[in-house]
Protein backbone atom coordinates (compact mmCIF):
# COMPACT_ATOMS: atom_id res chain seq x y z
CA UNK A 1 27.85 25.00 8.50
CA UNK A 2 25.11 24.64 11.06
CA UNK A 3 23.83 21.32 12.28
CA UNK A 4 21.54 19.82 9.65
CA UNK A 5 17.88 20.34 10.52
CA UNK A 6 17.28 16.68 9.71
CA UNK A 7 18.73 15.82 13.11
CA UNK A 8 16.06 17.71 15.08
CA UNK A 9 13.06 18.04 12.80
CA UNK A 10 11.17 15.40 14.79
CA UNK A 11 11.42 17.45 18.00
CA UNK A 12 8.92 20.14 18.91
CA UNK A 13 10.41 22.39 21.57
CA UNK A 14 13.70 24.30 21.56
CA UNK A 15 14.61 22.65 24.87
CA UNK A 16 14.11 19.18 23.36
CA UNK A 17 16.20 20.16 20.36
CA UNK A 18 19.01 21.50 22.52
CA UNK A 19 19.05 18.39 24.72
CA UNK A 20 19.11 16.14 21.67
CA UNK A 21 21.96 18.07 20.07
CA UNK A 22 24.03 17.74 23.24
CA UNK A 23 23.45 13.98 23.30
CA UNK A 24 24.19 13.69 19.61
CA UNK A 25 27.46 15.56 19.77
CA UNK A 26 28.59 13.64 22.86
CA UNK A 27 28.65 10.48 20.71
CA UNK A 28 31.33 11.88 18.42
CA UNK A 29 33.33 8.61 18.22
CA UNK A 30 30.30 6.65 17.05
CA UNK A 31 29.39 9.37 14.54
CA UNK A 32 32.93 9.40 13.14
CA UNK A 33 32.97 5.63 12.71
CA UNK A 34 29.55 5.64 11.08
CA UNK A 35 30.78 8.30 8.66
CA UNK A 36 33.84 6.20 7.85
CA UNK A 37 31.64 3.17 7.12
CA UNK A 38 29.43 5.24 4.86
CA UNK A 39 32.45 6.58 2.95
CA UNK A 40 33.71 3.01 2.51
CA UNK A 41 30.31 1.99 1.14
CA UNK A 42 30.41 4.95 -1.25
CA UNK A 43 33.83 3.88 -2.53
CA UNK A 44 32.53 0.34 -2.96
CA UNK A 45 29.59 1.64 -5.00
CA UNK A 46 31.92 3.68 -7.18
CA UNK A 47 33.98 0.56 -7.85
CA UNK A 48 30.83 -1.15 -9.15
CA UNK A 49 30.47 1.11 -12.18
CA UNK A 50 28.87 -0.31 -15.31
CA UNK A 51 31.16 -2.46 -17.43
CA UNK A 52 30.57 -3.59 -21.00
CA UNK A 53 29.57 -7.05 -19.81
CA UNK A 54 26.77 -5.51 -17.73
CA UNK A 55 25.01 -4.54 -20.95
CA UNK A 56 24.57 -8.22 -21.81
CA UNK A 57 22.02 -8.43 -18.99
CA UNK A 58 18.65 -7.01 -20.11
CA UNK A 59 18.18 -5.61 -16.59
CA UNK A 60 21.42 -3.59 -16.58
CA UNK A 61 19.54 -0.29 -16.40
CA UNK A 62 17.70 -1.41 -13.27
CA UNK A 63 20.99 -2.33 -11.60
CA UNK A 64 22.47 1.04 -12.51
CA UNK A 65 19.39 2.90 -11.27
CA UNK A 66 19.63 0.98 -7.99
CA UNK A 67 23.32 1.91 -7.59
CA UNK A 68 22.52 5.54 -8.39
CA UNK A 69 19.81 5.52 -5.73
CA UNK A 70 22.20 4.07 -3.16
CA UNK A 71 24.79 6.72 -4.01
CA UNK A 72 22.18 9.45 -3.66
CA UNK A 73 21.12 8.28 -0.20
CA UNK A 74 24.73 7.98 0.95
CA UNK A 75 25.45 11.53 -0.20
CA UNK A 76 22.43 12.82 1.70
CA UNK A 77 23.43 11.14 4.95
CA UNK A 78 27.09 12.07 4.58
CA UNK A 79 25.98 15.69 4.28
CA UNK A 80 23.96 15.32 7.47
CA UNK A 81 26.90 13.65 9.23
CA UNK A 82 29.25 16.43 8.06
CA UNK A 83 27.07 18.96 9.85
CA UNK A 84 27.91 17.30 13.18
CA UNK A 85 31.64 17.76 12.57
CA UNK A 86 31.20 21.45 11.79
CA UNK A 87 28.94 22.00 14.79
CA UNK A 88 31.42 20.38 17.19
CA UNK A 89 34.36 22.52 16.03
């Protein structure tokens, strides 16, 4: 897997992209910890699945839609973070 384009899409020149990638990959410890935190948040969201008592609240569907949105964003960024692990190897 190549490094996700999301990391460098804001840069214009190949030299800028290469320099940014080097800086990014040099912060491997921080990237790993950030990934761990995101995974923990994902597990926490999974634990908050809809229960029968949630349906008593007329806004239950809004809460579920919000959780689904959070899960979707986490998946996107975890995919981007995974590309840094593959690139470093």
